[in-house]
Amino acid sequence: MVQSLATCADAPPRPHVVLVASPGAGHLNPMAELARRLVARLGLAATLVTFAGLSAAGPDAHAAAALSSLRDAGVATAVLPAVPLDDLPPGARAETALFELIARSVPRLRALLRDIGAAAPLAALVPDLFAAAVLPLAAELGVPGYLFYPASLYVLSFMRRAVELNDGAAPGEYRDLPDALRLPGGVSLRREDYADGFRSSEEPMEPGNVEELRQAAEQGTFPPAYPVGPLIRPSSDEDAASPCIQWLDRQPTGSVVYISFGSAGALSVEQMAELAAGLEDSGHRFLWAVRMPSLDGENSDLGKTCTDDGSDPVAWLPEGFLDRTSRRGLAVASWAPQVRVLSHPATAVFVSHCGWNSTLESVASGVPMVAWPLHAEQRTNAAVLSESVGVALRPRAARADGLIGREEVAAAVRELMEGEKGRAVRRRTGDLRQAADAAWAPEGASRRAMEEVAGRWKAAALGGRARGA
């Protein structure tokens, strides 16, 4: 036993992967699960780095909880301190502030990487898409650099087509994309389903990402993509104790419609009222994670300064709605333990913004969706999920401003819960659930892809250490 302990103490440190997650649950959650699997299943060490955020307040409560759970799983974590952004022009877009935050944090990250590399061989630097500005540090330190892309391959293909169609355009000039765009697999997107920033040449596309892909295209190729999902964070014992779950425990199997628009989605007051009326008219049970409504016409609060002023988003629901639906509905403020909710036997349908994390969580639980996209690439996801993959129904807007009326809400819910088309969607979702289960099995495609990448990282790290010895 003494000899065994001495052997462990003398063993060389494991190759170390550093993952960099930009602020926001949509990037942090899957990267956290990737870090967990790198350590637990693939024999690597890992540090997940994130940022204090767009204010000095630091990560929100859910991000802090995610980081804490990682430390319990043997994954190191680091939060880079806030950097001043008060020199940005008034009204600067959230994306501008985000990219500046990351660019100005590069010196701190460089110092952290050097400290980690002094104790263990660095195997790779893996920022997410929004943190691509840190990739030059990989070349500077002589380690492989990879991008973590927490969206679908359909969206990646769409971005690639956008770059190809803009080949030869002058810097800062973007051509309008065609009204319809065909993607691999027979998917055809209409302009209205293009991701934010791509529907018009007047909209600012993501210049860093576009330029990076353009350079790769000029070299005659795009980098290989390794599909390693679904990366779904596990549910916790604390989730099981949530009042939401206790309420679901009292509902019949397959009877509840769950409604959530993610960590940044926001509906107008009028749209909230129409959704409430549609749920009431549908006659079905529901669990609604209600967020504060948008009062400025925006359908996302990403990057906005949030203050806890004690406001209750549930108070914005229509007068009398909660009383009239008290025997079959539950509305909770802001958040519900989504993975646990979706995997609960009572949950039958998910009214979702179609963020990719939520999509994968829904499919992995076999729950079909009412597709209700709000911003970013969610329209593209909704089009693919409803028209190609067949795991969602998408209510159409009743007005030119995008408002979805109560009739469309009620009809979509009833169809998924009771209708013939809904039965086909539920069957297709069940098929994909089995595929999701198989992806990370020992011989699953995602497991094999991740093992291939991990093998490259280990070889690079050990080779670098041998050269430096």
Protein backbone atom coordinates (compact mmCIF):
# COMPACT_ATOMS: atom_id res chain seq x y z
CA MET A 1 0.00 0.00 0.00
CA VAL A 2 2.87 2.37 0.82
CA GLN A 3 4.53 1.45 -2.47
CA SER A 4 1.28 2.12 -4.36
CA LEU A 5 0.95 5.58 -2.83
CA ALA A 6 4.55 6.40 -3.67
CA THR A 7 4.02 5.29 -7.26
CA CYS A 8 0.98 7.55 -7.56
CA ALA A 9 2.93 10.46 -6.11
CA ASP A 10 5.74 9.94 -8.62
CA ALA A 11 3.40 9.56 -11.60
CA PRO A 12 3.65 12.39 -14.13
CA PRO A 13 0.73 14.85 -14.17
CA ARG A 14 -2.01 14.16 -16.66
CA PRO A 15 -2.15 16.27 -19.85
CA HIS A 16 -4.20 19.37 -19.09
CA VAL A 17 -6.96 20.85 -21.26
CA VAL A 18 -8.07 24.43 -20.63
CA LEU A 19 -11.62 25.26 -21.74
CA VAL A 20 -12.77 28.88 -21.98
CA ALA A 21 -16.52 29.59 -21.72
CA SER A 22 -17.96 33.01 -22.55
CA PRO A 23 -20.66 34.33 -20.19
CA GLY A 24 -24.05 32.68 -20.52
CA ALA A 25 -25.60 29.36 -19.56
CA GLY A 26 -25.87 28.26 -23.19
CA HIS A 27 -22.09 28.02 -23.44
CA LEU A 28 -21.09 27.33 -19.85
CA ASN A 29 -23.35 24.32 -19.26
CA PRO A 30 -22.22 22.12 -22.18
CA MET A 31 -18.57 23.08 -21.69
CA ALA A 32 -18.86 22.15 -18.04
CA GLU A 33 -20.18 18.73 -19.00
CA LEU A 34 -17.41 18.31 -21.59
CA ALA A 35 -14.82 19.11 -18.91
CA ARG A 36 -16.42 16.59 -16.57
CA ARG A 37 -16.21 13.85 -19.20
CA LEU A 38 -12.63 14.68 -20.15
CA VAL A 39 -11.63 14.06 -16.55
CA ALA A 40 -13.92 11.16 -15.65
CA ARG A 41 -13.87 9.15 -18.88
CA LEU A 42 -10.86 10.18 -20.96
CA GLY A 43 -8.01 10.44 -18.46
CA LEU A 44 -7.24 14.13 -18.92
CA ALA A 45 -7.00 16.95 -16.42
CA ALA A 46 -9.15 20.02 -17.14
CA THR A 47 -9.66 23.60 -16.06
CA LEU A 48 -12.81 25.48 -17.05
CA VAL A 49 -12.23 29.23 -17.28
CA THR A 50 -15.04 31.76 -17.47
CA PHE A 51 -15.46 35.47 -16.95
CA ALA A 52 -16.93 37.62 -14.22
CA GLY A 53 -19.45 38.76 -16.80
CA LEU A 54 -20.48 42.05 -18.33
CA SER A 55 -20.54 43.61 -14.86
CA ALA A 56 -18.46 43.31 -11.73
CA ALA A 57 -21.11 41.13 -10.09
CA GLY A 58 -19.45 37.90 -11.20
CA PRO A 59 -21.21 34.73 -12.40
CA ASP A 60 -24.90 34.42 -11.56
CA ALA A 61 -26.16 31.91 -9.00
CA HIS A 62 -26.69 29.10 -11.52
CA ALA A 63 -23.25 29.59 -13.09
CA ALA A 64 -21.67 29.60 -9.64
CA ALA A 65 -23.48 26.35 -8.82
CA ALA A 66 -22.26 24.77 -12.06
CA LEU A 67 -18.67 25.74 -11.27
CA SER A 68 -19.00 24.39 -7.73
CA SER A 69 -20.27 21.03 -8.97
CA LEU A 70 -17.29 20.79 -11.33
CA ARG A 71 -14.84 21.19 -8.50
CA ASP A 72 -16.54 18.28 -6.76
CA ALA A 73 -15.94 16.24 -9.95
CA GLY A 74 -12.21 16.95 -10.01
CA VAL A 75 -12.34 19.74 -12.61
CA ALA A 76 -10.47 22.92 -11.73
CA THR A 77 -12.27 26.21 -12.35
CA ALA A 78 -11.21 29.83 -12.67
CA VAL A 79 -13.18 33.05 -13.05
CA LEU A 80 -11.23 35.85 -14.73
CA PRO A 81 -11.83 39.19 -12.99
CA ALA A 82 -14.00 41.88 -14.50
CA VAL A 83 -12.37 44.36 -16.85
CA PRO A 84 -13.44 47.99 -17.34
CA LEU A 85 -15.85 48.53 -20.21
CA ASP A 86 -16.99 52.05 -19.37
CA ASP A 87 -15.17 53.48 -22.38
CA LEU A 88 -17.54 51.75 -24.81
CA PRO A 89 -19.91 54.13 -26.60
CA PRO A 90 -23.42 54.53 -25.15
CA GLY A 91 -25.80 52.02 -26.62
CA ALA A 92 -23.06 49.61 -27.69
CA ARG A 93 -24.47 46.24 -28.72
CA ALA A 94 -24.24 43.38 -26.23
CA GLU A 95 -22.08 41.47 -28.71
CA THR A 96 -19.61 44.36 -28.82
CA ALA A 97 -19.35 44.43 -25.04
CA LEU A 98 -18.93 40.65 -24.93
CA PHE A 99 -16.12 40.58 -27.49
CA GLU A 100 -14.36 43.48 -25.76
CA LEU A 101 -14.66 41.73 -22.40
CA ILE A 102 -12.95 38.65 -23.81
CA ALA A 103 -10.28 40.52 -25.78
CA ARG A 104 -9.33 42.61 -22.74
CA SER A 105 -9.11 39.48 -20.60
CA VAL A 106 -6.43 37.86 -22.79
CA PRO A 107 -3.47 39.02 -20.62
CA ARG A 108 -5.04 37.48 -17.51
CA LEU A 109 -5.71 34.24 -19.38
CA ARG A 110 -2.16 34.16 -20.72
CA ALA A 111 -0.80 34.35 -17.17
CA LEU A 112 -3.16 31.61 -16.02
CA LEU A 113 -2.16 29.33 -18.89
CA ARG A 114 1.51 29.80 -18.10
CA ASP A 115 0.86 28.88 -14.46
CA ILE A 116 -1.04 25.74 -15.47
CA GLY A 117 1.63 24.80 -18.01
CA ALA A 118 4.36 25.09 -15.39
CA ALA A 119 2.69 22.34 -13.34
CA ALA A 120 1.41 19.99 -16.07
CA PRO A 121 1.76 19.53 -19.83
CA LEU A 122 -0.81 21.68 -21.63
CA ALA A 123 -2.76 19.48 -24.04
CA ALA A 124 -5.11 21.97 -25.71
CA LEU A 125 -6.83 25.35 -25.45
CA VAL A 126 -10.55 25.12 -26.23
CA PRO A 127 -12.52 28.38 -26.23
CA ASP A 128 -16.14 28.55 -27.29
CA LEU A 129 -17.19 30.42 -30.42
CA PHE A 130 -17.62 33.80 -28.73
CA ALA A 131 -14.21 33.50 -27.04
CA ALA A 132 -12.35 32.83 -30.29
CA ALA A 133 -10.19 35.91 -29.62
CA VAL A 134 -8.12 33.83 -27.19
CA LEU A 135 -7.11 31.26 -29.84
CA PRO A 136 -3.80 33.02 -30.71
CA LEU A 137 -2.64 32.08 -27.22
CA ALA A 138 -2.62 28.44 -28.33
CA ALA A 139 -0.10 29.18 -31.08
CA GLU A 140 1.87 31.40 -28.72
CA LEU A 141 2.19 28.57 -26.19
CA GLY A 142 2.66 25.84 -28.78
CA VAL A 143 -0.47 23.83 -27.97
CA PRO A 144 -3.39 22.74 -30.17
CA GLY A 145 -6.26 25.22 -30.41
CA TYR A 146 -9.85 24.07 -30.96
CA LEU A 147 -13.19 25.90 -31.02
CA PHE A 148 -16.13 24.54 -29.05
CA TYR A 149 -19.30 25.19 -31.02
CA PRO A 150 -22.39 24.81 -28.81
CA ALA A 151 -24.88 24.98 -31.68
CA SER A 152 -25.91 22.54 -34.37
CA LEU A 153 -23.98 21.43 -37.43
CA TYR A 154 -26.84 22.87 -39.49
CA VAL A 155 -26.01 26.34 -38.17
CA LEU A 156 -22.31 25.73 -38.76
CA SER A 157 -23.12 24.73 -42.35
CA PHE A 158 -25.22 27.87 -42.70
CA MET A 159 -22.32 30.03 -41.52
CA ARG A 160 -19.98 28.27 -43.92
CA ARG A 161 -22.34 28.98 -46.83
CA ALA A 162 -22.56 32.63 -45.76
CA VAL A 163 -18.77 32.91 -45.85
CA GLU A 164 -18.56 31.22 -49.24
CA LEU A 165 -21.23 33.51 -50.70
CA ASN A 166 -19.30 36.54 -49.43
CA ASP A 167 -16.02 35.37 -50.93
CA GLY A 168 -14.34 38.34 -52.60
CA ALA A 169 -16.39 41.01 -50.83
CA ALA A 170 -14.49 44.03 -49.57
CA PRO A 171 -13.66 44.19 -45.85
CA GLY A 172 -16.72 45.31 -43.90
CA GLU A 173 -19.01 44.70 -46.89
CA TYR A 174 -21.55 41.87 -46.81
CA ARG A 175 -23.73 40.60 -49.61
CA ASP A 176 -27.37 39.76 -49.11
CA LEU A 177 -27.91 36.02 -48.88
CA PRO A 178 -30.49 34.46 -51.22
CA ASP A 179 -34.13 34.25 -50.14
CA ALA A 180 -33.71 30.47 -49.80
CA LEU A 181 -30.57 28.58 -48.87
CA ARG A 182 -30.09 24.85 -49.21
CA LEU A 183 -27.99 23.04 -46.62
CA PRO A 184 -26.70 19.45 -46.49
CA GLY A 185 -29.34 16.83 -45.83
CA GLY A 186 -31.97 18.48 -48.00
CA VAL A 187 -32.66 21.31 -45.55
CA SER A 188 -33.88 24.52 -47.16
CA LEU A 189 -34.00 27.72 -45.11
CA ARG A 190 -36.05 30.82 -45.87
CA ARG A 191 -34.64 34.27 -45.16
CA GLU A 192 -36.99 34.65 -42.19
CA ASP A 193 -35.28 31.64 -40.57
CA TYR A 194 -31.72 32.91 -40.96
CA ALA A 195 -29.76 33.51 -37.77
CA ASP A 196 -29.53 37.02 -36.34
CA GLY A 197 -27.08 39.11 -38.33
CA PHE A 198 -27.59 37.22 -41.59
CA ARG A 199 -31.05 38.22 -42.81
CA SER A 200 -29.82 41.46 -44.40
CA SER A 201 -26.48 42.85 -45.49
CA GLU A 202 -27.30 45.86 -43.32
CA GLU A 203 -27.19 43.73 -40.16
CA PRO A 204 -23.75 43.39 -38.55
CA MET A 205 -22.52 39.85 -38.85
CA GLU A 206 -20.02 38.48 -36.35
CA PRO A 207 -16.82 39.89 -37.89
CA GLY A 208 -14.36 37.78 -35.92
CA ASN A 209 -16.11 34.52 -36.75
CA VAL A 210 -16.65 35.43 -40.40
CA GLU A 211 -13.05 36.47 -40.90
CA GLU A 212 -11.77 33.31 -39.25
CA LEU A 213 -13.87 31.10 -41.50
CA ARG A 214 -12.90 33.20 -44.52
CA GLN A 215 -9.21 32.62 -43.82
CA ALA A 216 -9.80 28.89 -43.53
CA ALA A 217 -11.66 28.91 -46.83
CA GLU A 218 -8.81 30.77 -48.52
CA GLN A 219 -6.50 27.97 -47.46
CA GLY A 220 -8.70 25.57 -49.38
CA THR A 221 -10.51 23.91 -46.50
CA PHE A 222 -12.54 24.39 -43.37
CA PRO A 223 -11.40 22.82 -40.13
CA PRO A 224 -12.81 19.39 -39.33
CA ALA A 225 -15.82 19.26 -37.03
CA TYR A 226 -16.08 16.61 -34.32
CA PRO A 227 -19.67 16.02 -33.16
CA VAL A 228 -19.37 15.17 -29.46
CA GLY A 229 -22.86 15.85 -28.11
CA PRO A 230 -25.24 15.70 -26.50
CA LEU A 231 -23.42 17.21 -23.52
CA ILE A 232 -26.19 17.47 -20.94
CA ARG A 233 -25.44 18.42 -17.37
CA PRO A 234 -26.66 15.84 -14.87
CA SER A 235 -29.55 16.58 -12.56
CA SER A 236 -28.75 17.07 -8.88
CA ASP A 237 -30.38 16.01 -5.62
CA GLU A 238 -31.16 19.67 -5.04
CA ASP A 239 -33.18 19.67 -8.27
CA ALA A 240 -35.25 16.77 -6.99
CA ALA A 241 -36.24 18.83 -3.95
CA SER A 242 -37.53 21.70 -6.08
CA PRO A 243 -41.21 22.64 -5.66
CA CYS A 244 -41.53 22.21 -9.44
CA ILE A 245 -40.60 18.55 -9.19
CA GLN A 246 -42.80 18.01 -6.16
CA TRP A 247 -45.71 19.46 -8.15
CA LEU A 248 -44.89 17.25 -11.16
CA ASP A 249 -44.87 14.22 -8.87
CA ARG A 250 -48.60 14.80 -8.28
CA GLN A 251 -49.52 14.99 -11.97
CA PRO A 252 -50.54 12.08 -14.23
CA THR A 253 -47.97 10.60 -16.57
CA GLY A 254 -47.64 12.47 -19.86
CA SER A 255 -50.01 15.28 -18.91
CA VAL A 256 -47.92 18.45 -18.49
CA VAL A 257 -46.78 21.11 -20.95
CA TYR A 258 -43.52 22.73 -19.82
CA ILE A 259 -42.81 26.32 -20.96
CA SER A 260 -39.42 28.00 -20.80
CA PHE A 261 -37.60 30.45 -23.06
CA GLY A 262 -34.10 29.92 -21.73
CA SER A 263 -31.79 32.06 -19.65
CA ALA A 264 -32.04 35.15 -21.87
CA GLY A 265 -35.37 34.95 -23.72
CA ALA A 266 -37.97 37.64 -23.09
CA LEU A 267 -41.55 38.05 -24.33
CA SER A 268 -43.47 41.29 -24.59
CA VAL A 269 -46.29 41.87 -22.12
CA GLU A 270 -48.81 41.37 -24.93
CA GLN A 271 -47.15 38.12 -26.01
CA MET A 272 -47.14 36.84 -22.43
CA ALA A 273 -50.88 37.49 -22.29
CA GLU A 274 -51.51 35.62 -25.55
CA LEU A 275 -49.42 32.66 -24.38
CA ALA A 276 -51.30 32.57 -21.08
CA ALA A 277 -54.64 32.67 -22.86
CA GLY A 278 -53.58 29.91 -25.24
CA LEU A 279 -52.48 27.67 -22.39
CA GLU A 280 -55.76 28.31 -20.61
CA ASP A 281 -57.80 27.59 -23.74
CA SER A 282 -55.86 24.37 -24.45
CA GLY A 283 -57.27 22.76 -21.32
CA HIS A 284 -53.99 21.00 -20.51
CA ARG A 285 -51.79 21.05 -17.44
CA PHE A 286 -48.75 23.28 -17.59
CA LEU A 287 -45.56 24.27 -15.78
CA TRP A 288 -44.31 27.72 -16.82
CA ALA A 289 -40.93 29.21 -15.88
CA VAL A 290 -41.93 32.87 -16.22
CA ARG A 291 -39.26 35.49 -16.92
CA MET A 292 -39.60 39.25 -16.71
CA PRO A 293 -41.23 40.63 -19.85
CA SER A 294 -39.43 42.83 -22.34
CA LEU A 295 -40.44 46.48 -22.17
CA ASP A 296 -38.15 47.73 -24.94
CA GLY A 297 -39.22 45.55 -27.85
CA GLU A 298 -36.20 43.25 -27.60
CA ASN A 299 -36.77 39.50 -27.22
CA SER A 300 -33.49 38.88 -25.42
CA ASP A 301 -32.00 40.32 -22.25
CA LEU A 302 -28.51 39.03 -23.12
CA GLY A 303 -25.92 41.54 -22.01
CA LYS A 304 -28.37 43.81 -20.23
CA THR A 305 -27.57 44.99 -16.76
CA CYS A 306 -29.78 43.00 -14.40
CA THR A 307 -30.58 44.17 -10.91
CA ASP A 308 -32.48 42.28 -8.27
CA ASP A 309 -35.13 44.85 -7.42
CA GLY A 310 -37.51 42.28 -6.00
CA SER A 311 -39.79 42.29 -9.06
CA ASP A 312 -41.82 39.14 -9.53
CA PRO A 313 -42.22 38.14 -13.20
CA VAL A 314 -45.29 36.08 -12.31
CA ALA A 315 -47.02 39.34 -11.36
CA TRP A 316 -47.00 40.30 -15.05
CA LEU A 317 -49.33 37.44 -16.00
CA PRO A 318 -52.90 38.45 -16.93
CA GLU A 319 -55.22 39.23 -14.06
CA GLY A 320 -57.11 36.16 -12.87
CA PHE A 321 -55.06 33.71 -14.97
CA LEU A 322 -53.45 31.95 -12.02
CA ASP A 323 -56.75 31.66 -10.16
CA ARG A 324 -58.55 30.21 -13.17
CA THR A 325 -55.81 27.64 -13.84
CA SER A 326 -54.80 26.90 -10.24
CA ARG A 327 -55.94 23.25 -10.39
CA ARG A 328 -53.92 22.39 -13.48
CA GLY A 329 -51.07 24.88 -13.78
CA LEU A 330 -48.01 26.10 -11.94
CA ALA A 331 -46.11 29.30 -12.75
CA VAL A 332 -42.68 29.79 -11.16
CA ALA A 333 -40.44 32.82 -11.27
CA SER A 334 -37.57 32.76 -13.77
CA TRP A 335 -36.13 29.28 -13.39
CA ALA A 336 -36.94 25.59 -13.12
CA PRO A 337 -34.56 22.59 -12.94
CA GLN A 338 -35.02 21.94 -16.65
CA VAL A 339 -33.16 18.66 -17.08
CA ARG A 340 -35.12 17.16 -14.20
CA VAL A 341 -38.39 18.61 -15.48
CA LEU A 342 -37.92 17.25 -19.00
CA SER A 343 -36.98 13.80 -17.76
CA HIS A 344 -39.99 13.63 -15.42
CA PRO A 345 -42.69 11.11 -16.46
CA ALA A 346 -45.40 13.77 -16.18
CA THR A 347 -43.82 16.06 -18.78
CA ALA A 348 -45.23 15.53 -22.27
CA VAL A 349 -44.46 18.69 -24.31
CA PHE A 350 -41.88 21.47 -24.19
CA VAL A 351 -42.73 24.98 -25.43
CA SER A 352 -39.17 26.07 -26.18
CA HIS A 353 -37.14 28.92 -27.65
CA CYS A 354 -35.08 26.24 -29.47
CA GLY A 355 -31.73 27.11 -27.99
CA TRP A 356 -29.50 24.16 -28.78
CA ASN A 357 -28.93 23.11 -25.18
CA SER A 358 -32.65 23.07 -24.50
CA THR A 359 -33.21 21.21 -27.76
CA LEU A 360 -30.74 18.47 -26.86
CA GLU A 361 -32.16 18.20 -23.34
CA SER A 362 -35.64 17.81 -24.77
CA VAL A 363 -34.65 15.21 -27.36
CA ALA A 364 -32.57 13.26 -24.83
CA SER A 365 -35.69 13.03 -22.66
CA GLY A 366 -37.96 12.10 -25.58
CA VAL A 367 -40.10 15.24 -25.21
CA PRO A 368 -41.44 16.86 -28.43
CA MET A 369 -41.41 20.64 -28.78
CA VAL A 370 -43.54 23.58 -29.70
CA ALA A 371 -40.85 25.60 -31.48
CA TRP A 372 -40.94 29.27 -30.47
CA PRO A 373 -37.62 30.91 -31.47
CA LEU A 374 -36.72 34.37 -30.21
CA HIS A 375 -33.16 35.39 -31.16
CA ALA A 376 -29.67 34.32 -32.25
CA GLU A 377 -29.72 31.10 -34.32
CA GLN A 378 -32.99 29.87 -32.79
CA ARG A 379 -35.05 30.50 -35.95
CA THR A 380 -32.71 28.26 -37.91
CA ASN A 381 -32.99 25.58 -35.23
CA ALA A 382 -36.78 25.85 -35.21
CA ALA A 383 -36.98 25.46 -38.98
CA VAL A 384 -34.74 22.39 -38.93
CA LEU A 385 -36.52 20.79 -35.95
CA SER A 386 -40.02 21.29 -37.36
CA GLU A 387 -39.52 20.87 -41.10
CA SER A 388 -36.60 18.47 -41.41
CA VAL A 389 -35.96 16.52 -38.22
CA GLY A 390 -39.64 16.26 -37.30
CA VAL A 391 -39.47 16.65 -33.51
CA ALA A 392 -41.35 19.94 -33.22
CA LEU A 393 -44.42 21.82 -34.36
CA ARG A 394 -44.08 25.52 -35.02
CA PRO A 395 -47.01 27.91 -34.58
CA ARG A 396 -47.01 30.69 -37.12
CA ALA A 397 -47.22 34.32 -36.14
CA ALA A 398 -50.64 35.90 -36.46
CA ARG A 399 -49.23 39.36 -37.18
CA ALA A 400 -46.41 40.94 -39.14
CA ASP A 401 -44.66 41.94 -35.91
CA GLY A 402 -44.24 38.27 -34.99
CA LEU A 403 -46.93 38.00 -32.30
CA ILE A 404 -48.27 34.45 -31.91
CA GLY A 405 -51.95 34.52 -31.02
CA ARG A 406 -53.74 32.47 -28.39
CA GLU A 407 -55.45 30.38 -31.05
CA GLU A 408 -52.14 29.25 -32.51
CA VAL A 409 -50.78 28.48 -29.03
CA ALA A 410 -53.80 26.39 -28.06
CA ALA A 411 -53.85 24.59 -31.41
CA ALA A 412 -50.15 23.66 -31.23
CA VAL A 413 -50.46 22.35 -27.67
CA ARG A 414 -53.58 20.31 -28.46
CA GLU A 415 -52.02 18.86 -31.61
CA LEU A 416 -48.90 17.66 -29.81
CA MET A 417 -50.89 16.31 -26.88
CA GLU A 418 -53.81 14.77 -28.76
CA GLY A 419 -53.50 14.97 -32.56
CA GLU A 420 -52.40 12.63 -35.32
CA LYS A 421 -49.55 14.90 -36.41
CA GLY A 422 -48.50 15.16 -32.78
CA ARG A 423 -48.40 11.39 -32.54
CA ALA A 424 -45.91 11.26 -35.42
CA VAL A 425 -43.77 13.95 -33.78
CA ARG A 426 -43.77 12.07 -30.48
CA ARG A 427 -42.76 8.87 -32.24
CA ARG A 428 -39.90 10.61 -34.05
CA THR A 429 -38.73 12.20 -30.80
CA GLY A 430 -38.67 8.76 -29.20
CA ASP A 431 -36.45 7.48 -31.99
CA LEU A 432 -34.00 10.33 -31.50
CA ARG A 433 -33.96 9.76 -27.77
CA GLN A 434 -32.57 6.30 -28.41
CA ALA A 435 -29.96 7.79 -30.75
CA ALA A 436 -28.96 10.32 -28.07
CA ASP A 437 -28.58 7.52 -25.53
CA ALA A 438 -26.35 5.60 -27.92
CA ALA A 439 -24.10 8.54 -28.85
CA TRP A 440 -22.04 8.41 -25.64
CA ALA A 441 -22.20 4.65 -25.13
CA PRO A 442 -18.77 2.95 -25.22
CA GLU A 443 -18.99 2.44 -28.99
CA GLY A 444 -21.14 5.49 -29.70
CA ALA A 445 -20.24 7.99 -32.42
CA SER A 446 -19.81 10.94 -30.05
CA ARG A 447 -17.71 8.91 -27.64
CA ARG A 448 -15.45 7.76 -30.49
CA ALA A 449 -15.10 11.30 -31.85
CA MET A 450 -14.13 12.64 -28.44
CA GLU A 451 -11.67 9.79 -27.88
CA GLU A 452 -10.04 10.61 -31.21
CA VAL A 453 -9.59 14.26 -30.24
CA ALA A 454 -8.42 13.36 -26.72
CA GLY A 455 -5.87 10.99 -28.20
CA ARG A 456 -4.47 13.80 -30.34
CA TRP A 457 -4.27 16.09 -27.31
CA LYS A 458 -2.47 13.52 -25.20
CA ALA A 459 0.03 12.78 -27.96
CA ALA A 460 0.71 16.49 -28.48
CA ALA A 461 1.16 17.13 -24.76
CA LEU A 462 3.48 14.19 -24.21
CA GLY A 463 5.42 15.00 -27.36
CA GLY A 464 5.88 18.58 -26.21
CA ARG A 465 7.11 17.46 -22.81
CA ALA A 466 9.55 15.01 -24.41
CA ARG A 467 10.96 17.79 -26.62
CA GLY A 468 11.33 20.06 -23.61
CA ALA A 469 13.00 17.41 -21.44
